[in-house]
Each structure stands twice: as structure tokens, then as C-alpha cells.
C-alpha atoms as a PDB file:
ATOM      1  CA  MET A   1      -3.353 -23.702  59.566  1.00  0.00           C
ATOM      2  CA  ALA A   2      -3.793 -25.741  56.378  1.00  0.00           C
ATOM      3  CA  TRP A   3      -3.442 -22.599  54.241  1.00  0.00           C
ATOM      4  CA  ARG A   4      -0.133 -21.836  55.907  1.00  0.00           C
ATOM      5  CA  LEU A   5       1.125 -25.318  55.010  1.00  0.00           C
ATOM      6  CA  VAL A   6       0.009 -24.880  51.386  1.00  0.00           C
ATOM      7  CA  TYR A   7       1.647 -21.446  51.244  1.00  0.00           C
ATOM      8  CA  ASP A   8       4.918 -22.715  52.711  1.00  0.00           C
ATOM      9  CA  THR A   9       4.934 -25.685  50.365  1.00  0.00           C
ATOM     10  CA  LEU A  10       4.111 -23.819  47.160  1.00  0.00           C
ATOM     11  CA  PHE A  11       5.810 -20.478  47.737  1.00  0.00           C
ATOM     12  CA  SER A  12       8.845 -21.491  49.740  1.00  0.00           C
ATOM     13  CA  ARG A  13       9.933 -25.072  49.172  1.00  0.00           C
ATOM     14  CA  TYR A  14       8.633 -25.540  45.621  1.00  0.00           C
ATOM     15  CA  LEU A  15       8.690 -21.988  44.302  1.00  0.00           C
ATOM     16  CA  LEU A  16      10.314 -22.909  40.974  1.00  0.00           C
ATOM     17  CA  PHE A  17       7.674 -25.580  40.357  1.00  0.00           C
ATOM     18  CA  THR A  18       4.880 -23.187  41.376  1.00  0.00           C
ATOM     19  CA  ASN A  19       6.182 -20.407  39.119  1.00  0.00           C
ATOM     20  CA  THR A  20       6.523 -22.771  36.170  1.00  0.00           C
ATOM     21  CA  VAL A  21       3.026 -24.211  36.570  1.00  0.00           C
ATOM     22  CA  VAL A  22       1.500 -20.750  37.000  1.00  0.00           C
ATOM     23  CA  SER A  23       3.374 -19.433  33.967  1.00  0.00           C
ATOM     24  CA  CYS A  24       2.222 -22.388  31.884  1.00  0.00           C
ATOM     25  CA  GLY A  25      -1.375 -22.168  33.087  1.00  0.00           C
ATOM     26  CA  LEU A  26      -1.757 -18.419  32.645  1.00  0.00           C
ATOM     27  CA  GLU A  27      -0.301 -18.478  29.127  1.00  0.00           C
ATOM     28  CA  ALA A  28      -2.869 -21.140  28.226  1.00  0.00           C
ATOM     29  CA  LEU A  29      -5.684 -19.282  29.985  1.00  0.00           C
ATOM     30  CA  GLY A  30      -4.775 -16.032  28.234  1.00  0.00           C
ATOM     31  CA  ASP A  31      -4.836 -17.777  24.868  1.00  0.00           C
ATOM     32  CA  LEU A  32      -8.213 -19.369  25.581  1.00  0.00           C
ATOM     33  CA  LEU A  33      -9.685 -16.030  26.603  1.00  0.00           C
ATOM     34  CA  VAL A  34      -8.279 -14.343  23.495  1.00  0.00           C
ATOM     35  CA  GLN A  35      -9.718 -17.071  21.284  1.00  0.00           C
ATOM     36  CA  LYS A  36     -13.114 -16.719  22.941  1.00  0.00           C
ATOM     37  CA  TYR A  37     -12.974 -12.970  22.376  1.00  0.00           C
ATOM     38  CA  GLU A  38     -11.773 -13.221  18.748  1.00  0.00           C
ATOM     39  CA  LYS A  39     -14.114 -15.952  17.572  1.00  0.00           C
ATOM     40  CA  ASN A  40     -17.856 -16.155  17.471  1.00  0.00           C
ATOM     41  CA  SER A  41     -19.677 -18.952  19.264  1.00  0.00           C
ATOM     42  CA  GLU A  42     -19.826 -21.149  16.135  1.00  0.00           C
ATOM     43  CA  GLN A  43     -16.051 -21.531  15.813  1.00  0.00           C
ATOM     44  CA  GLU A  44     -14.206 -24.070  17.895  1.00  0.00           C
ATOM     45  CA  ILE A  45     -11.278 -23.421  20.197  1.00  0.00           C
ATOM     46  CA  ASP A  46      -7.881 -24.123  18.635  1.00  0.00           C
ATOM     47  CA  TRP A  47      -6.563 -26.445  21.344  1.00  0.00           C
ATOM     48  CA  ALA A  48      -3.276 -26.966  19.509  1.00  0.00           C
ATOM     49  CA  ARG A  49      -2.581 -23.225  19.737  1.00  0.00           C
ATOM     50  CA  THR A  50      -3.471 -23.235  23.432  1.00  0.00           C
ATOM     51  CA  LYS A  51      -1.090 -26.149  24.016  1.00  0.00           C
ATOM     52  CA  ARG A  52       1.665 -24.230  22.204  1.00  0.00           C
ATOM     53  CA  MET A  53       1.082 -21.252  24.466  1.00  0.00           C
ATOM     54  CA  ALA A  54       1.216 -23.495  27.533  1.00  0.00           C
ATOM     55  CA  VAL A  55       4.538 -24.936  26.344  1.00  0.00           C
ATOM     56  CA  ILE A  56       5.892 -21.428  25.865  1.00  0.00           C
ATOM     57  CA  GLY A  57       4.770 -20.587  29.408  1.00  0.00           C
ATOM     58  CA  PHE A  58       6.555 -23.731  30.591  1.00  0.00           C
ATOM     59  CA  ILE A  59       9.709 -22.614  28.754  1.00  0.00           C
ATOM     60  CA  LEU A  60       9.584 -19.040  30.095  1.00  0.00           C
ATOM     61  CA  GLY A  61       8.702 -19.895  33.707  1.00  0.00           C
ATOM     62  CA  PRO A  62      12.061 -21.156  35.029  1.00  0.00           C
ATOM     63  CA  PRO A  63      14.237 -18.430  33.450  1.00  0.00           C
ATOM     64  CA  GLU A  64      11.871 -15.773  34.833  1.00  0.00           C
ATOM     65  CA  HIS A  65      12.091 -17.415  38.265  1.00  0.00           C
ATOM     66  CA  TYR A  66      15.890 -17.353  38.272  1.00  0.00           C
ATOM     67  CA  TRP A  67      16.041 -13.882  36.723  1.00  0.00           C
ATOM     68  CA  PHE A  68      14.002 -12.309  39.516  1.00  0.00           C
ATOM     69  CA  LYS A  69      15.939 -14.248  42.161  1.00  0.00           C
ATOM     70  CA  PHE A  70      19.140 -12.851  40.647  1.00  0.00           C
ATOM     71  CA  LEU A  71      17.768  -9.293  40.652  1.00  0.00           C
ATOM     72  CA  ASP A  72      16.607  -9.595  44.255  1.00  0.00           C
ATOM     73  CA  LYS A  73      19.971 -10.950  45.349  1.00  0.00           C
ATOM     74  CA  ARG A  74      22.008  -8.408  43.365  1.00  0.00           C
ATOM     75  CA  TYR A  75      19.829  -5.385  44.228  1.00  0.00           C
ATOM     76  CA  PRO A  76      18.017  -6.104  47.501  1.00  0.00           C
ATOM     77  CA  GLY A  77      15.326  -3.835  48.876  1.00  0.00           C
ATOM     78  CA  ARG A  78      12.529  -1.691  47.534  1.00  0.00           C
ATOM     79  CA  GLY A  79      14.225   1.687  47.557  1.00  0.00           C
ATOM     80  CA  VAL A  80      14.171   4.017  44.574  1.00  0.00           C
ATOM     81  CA  VAL A  81      17.711   3.218  43.422  1.00  0.00           C
ATOM     82  CA  SER A  82      17.233  -0.531  43.789  1.00  0.00           C
ATOM     83  CA  VAL A  83      13.905  -0.510  41.948  1.00  0.00           C
ATOM     84  CA  PHE A  84      15.330   1.709  39.201  1.00  0.00           C
ATOM     85  CA  LYS A  85      18.230  -0.692  38.634  1.00  0.00           C
ATOM     86  CA  LYS A  86      15.910  -3.712  38.576  1.00  0.00           C
ATOM     87  CA  VAL A  87      13.493  -2.072  36.155  1.00  0.00           C
ATOM     88  CA  THR A  88      16.290  -0.899  33.875  1.00  0.00           C
ATOM     89  CA  LEU A  89      17.929  -4.316  33.736  1.00  0.00           C
ATOM     90  CA  ASP A  90      14.594  -6.026  33.226  1.00  0.00           C
ATOM     91  CA  GLU A  91      13.703  -3.653  30.379  1.00  0.00           C
ATOM     92  CA  VAL A  92      17.071  -3.924  28.661  1.00  0.00           C
ATOM     93  CA  ILE A  93      17.815  -7.633  29.134  1.00  0.00           C
ATOM     94  CA  ASN A  94      14.824  -9.682  30.227  1.00  0.00           C
ATOM     95  CA  GLY A  95      11.993  -8.012  28.295  1.00  0.00           C
ATOM     96  CA  PRO A  96      13.535  -8.396  24.841  1.00  0.00           C
ATOM     97  CA  ALA A  97      14.883 -11.866  25.705  1.00  0.00           C
ATOM     98  CA  CYS A  98      11.401 -13.073  26.682  1.00  0.00           C
ATOM     99  CA  VAL A  99       9.883 -11.659  23.502  1.00  0.00           C
ATOM    100  CA  ILE A 100      12.557 -13.389  21.393  1.00  0.00           C
ATOM    101  CA  VAL A 101      12.064 -16.694  23.223  1.00  0.00           C
ATOM    102  CA  PHE A 102       8.296 -16.320  22.862  1.00  0.00           C
ATOM    103  CA  PHE A 103       8.439 -15.841  19.092  1.00  0.00           C
ATOM    104  CA  LEU A 104      11.142 -18.455  18.508  1.00  0.00           C
ATOM    105  CA  GLY A 105       9.178 -20.938  20.596  1.00  0.00           C
ATOM    106  CA  PHE A 106       6.010 -20.020  18.751  1.00  0.00           C
ATOM    107  CA  LYS A 107       7.752 -20.548  15.397  1.00  0.00           C
ATOM    108  CA  LEU A 108       9.264 -23.876  16.405  1.00  0.00           C
ATOM    109  CA  LEU A 109       5.935 -25.155  17.698  1.00  0.00           C
ATOM    110  CA  LEU A 110       3.918 -23.944  14.720  1.00  0.00           C
ATOM    111  CA  CYS A 111       4.000 -24.895  11.073  1.00  0.00           C
ATOM    112  CA  ALA A 112       5.500 -22.182   8.883  1.00  0.00           C
ATOM    113  CA  SER A 113       2.324 -21.520   6.860  1.00  0.00           C
ATOM    114  CA  SER A 114       0.302 -20.030   9.705  1.00  0.00           C
ATOM    115  CA  PHE A 115       3.248 -18.575  11.611  1.00  0.00           C
ATOM    116  CA  LYS A 116       3.086 -15.124  10.010  1.00  0.00           C
ATOM    117  CA  SER A 117      -0.591 -14.509  10.720  1.00  0.00           C
ATOM    118  CA  ASP A 118      -0.412 -15.777  14.304  1.00  0.00           C
ATOM    119  CA  VAL A 119       2.781 -13.829  15.032  1.00  0.00           C
ATOM    120  CA  HIS A 120       1.257 -10.669  13.602  1.00  0.00           C
ATOM    121  CA  GLN A 121      -1.704 -11.069  15.960  1.00  0.00           C
ATOM    122  CA  CYS A 122       0.545 -11.740  18.957  1.00  0.00           C
ATOM    123  CA  SER A 123       3.292  -9.238  18.171  1.00  0.00           C
ATOM    124  CA  VAL A 124       1.179  -6.153  18.703  1.00  0.00           C
ATOM    125  CA  SER A 125       0.146  -7.198  22.198  1.00  0.00           C
ATOM    126  CA  ARG A 126       3.589  -8.538  23.199  1.00  0.00           C
ATOM    127  CA  MET A 127       5.521  -5.542  21.928  1.00  0.00           C
ATOM    128  CA  GLY A 128       2.933  -3.191  23.393  1.00  0.00           C
ATOM    129  CA  HIS A 129       3.403  -4.944  26.703  1.00  0.00           C
ATOM    130  CA  VAL A 130       7.179  -4.650  26.556  1.00  0.00           C
ATOM    131  CA  PHE A 131       7.336  -0.971  25.638  1.00  0.00           C
ATOM    132  CA  ILE A 132       4.175   0.538  27.125  1.00  0.00           C
ATOM    133  CA  LEU A 133       2.963  -1.439  30.104  1.00  0.00           C
ATOM    134  CA  LEU A 134       6.150  -3.098  31.338  1.00  0.00           C
ATOM    135  CA  PRO A 135       7.934  -0.105  32.914  1.00  0.00           C
ATOM    136  CA  THR A 136       4.897   0.901  34.966  1.00  0.00           C
ATOM    137  CA  GLN A 137       4.155  -2.692  35.864  1.00  0.00           C
ATOM    138  CA  GLU A 138       7.771  -3.280  36.876  1.00  0.00           C
ATOM    139  CA  ILE A 139       7.873  -0.323  39.231  1.00  0.00           C
ATOM    140  CA  LEU A 140       4.597  -1.296  40.898  1.00  0.00           C
ATOM    141  CA  LYS A 141       5.596  -4.942  41.087  1.00  0.00           C
ATOM    142  CA  LEU A 142       9.007  -4.362  42.606  1.00  0.00           C
ATOM    143  CA  ILE A 143       7.768  -1.840  45.143  1.00  0.00           C
ATOM    144  CA  ASN A 144       4.539  -3.529  46.233  1.00  0.00           C
ATOM    145  CA  SER A 145       4.762  -7.266  45.727  1.00  0.00           C
ATOM    146  CA  LEU A 146       6.395  -9.994  47.697  1.00  0.00           C
ATOM    147  CA  THR A 147       9.322 -11.616  45.954  1.00  0.00           C
ATOM    148  CA  ASN A 148       7.698 -15.064  45.866  1.00  0.00           C
ATOM    149  CA  PHE A 149       4.698 -13.756  43.908  1.00  0.00           C
ATOM    150  CA  ILE A 150       6.558 -11.886  41.163  1.00  0.00           C
ATOM    151  CA  ILE A 151       6.156 -14.570  38.457  1.00  0.00           C
ATOM    152  CA  ILE A 152       2.454 -14.909  39.235  1.00  0.00           C
ATOM    153  CA  TYR A 153       2.077 -11.147  39.038  1.00  0.00           C
ATOM    154  CA  VAL A 154       3.960 -10.939  35.715  1.00  0.00           C
ATOM    155  CA  GLN A 155       1.887 -13.728  34.166  1.00  0.00           C
ATOM    156  CA  ILE A 156      -1.381 -12.144  35.296  1.00  0.00           C
ATOM    157  CA  ILE A 157      -0.281  -8.874  33.660  1.00  0.00           C
ATOM    158  CA  TYR A 158       0.675 -10.744  30.445  1.00  0.00           C
ATOM    159  CA  CYS A 159      -2.678 -12.525  30.457  1.00  0.00           C
ATOM    160  CA  THR A 160      -4.624  -9.316  31.086  1.00  0.00           C
ATOM    161  CA  PHE A 161      -2.735  -7.322  28.471  1.00  0.00           C
ATOM    162  CA  THR A 162      -3.162 -10.090  25.882  1.00  0.00           C
ATOM    163  CA  ILE A 163      -6.904 -10.104  26.464  1.00  0.00           C
ATOM    164  CA  LEU A 164      -7.139  -6.316  26.141  1.00  0.00           C
END
């Protein structure tokens, strides 16, 4: 009974808040995991970089929330035509927009001297995600997942792909 109350609160009443917090948290978690993977045990975690990633997750969370609400309202259902339209629009509009916002946010939050090296490291995984993994992920997500969990699903995929 308590789980049902938590579910209703987080994924019905406060879905925007939940999506934003999850987006923020998973961006930070992904960055921490990447830093642990990239660095040996003697080097310290760059907490400033992790905070920047969390801020970017905070910035991207609400637009993603409203974007998927728009797609679900405009193209309801999980049929082939509906999913194809959603995936196409997400690939053409949302994917590139999120990458642009990510890099602009990264640049604004980072001093110019280290921007190029950090962007080069991030760009391969982000662009790979947009052009390789995103179409498959989109189809699976839109067919199989519940609408309220889409942002969580997307952020888990981002986090996983960044780590790989």
C-alpha cells in the first residue's frame, strides 16, 4: 500500500519533478562512473565536472518531460505508425536539440581552456548515442515502456552508453 502511494505521488502528481531529479541524478552518476573508469585509483574525482553534468541534467529534464508528453498527446498509442512518427520526430528534432543544449551548457559551465578536451571526450559518446543507439532505443522505449517512465528510461540509456 505504501509503494502505491509513493508511485502515485512521484509518477502521477509530481512527474515533472521526478523526471527532473532523475535526469539530474543520472547525469551525475554517469559522469562519476566514467571518471572512475577513466582514472586510476590515485586520481581524485573531479566534483566540479560532476556538478556541471548534474546541472545539465537539470536543464534537460523538463524539456524532455514536456517533449514526450507532447508526442504522446499528438500521436497516442503504440502502433507501428504512431511509433514511427514519434521516433522520426525525436530523431530529427529532439535528439539534435538535446546534443546542442548539452554542449552549450557544458561550454557555459566550463572555462574555455579545458572545454575542447572535455567536449572531445563527451562528443564521441553523445553523437554515437544520437546516431547509433537512439533509433533502436526509441522504438523499444515507445513500444514497451509506460509513458511515465520514459525520462527515466532515456537517462538510464544515456548513463549506460556514456559508461560504455
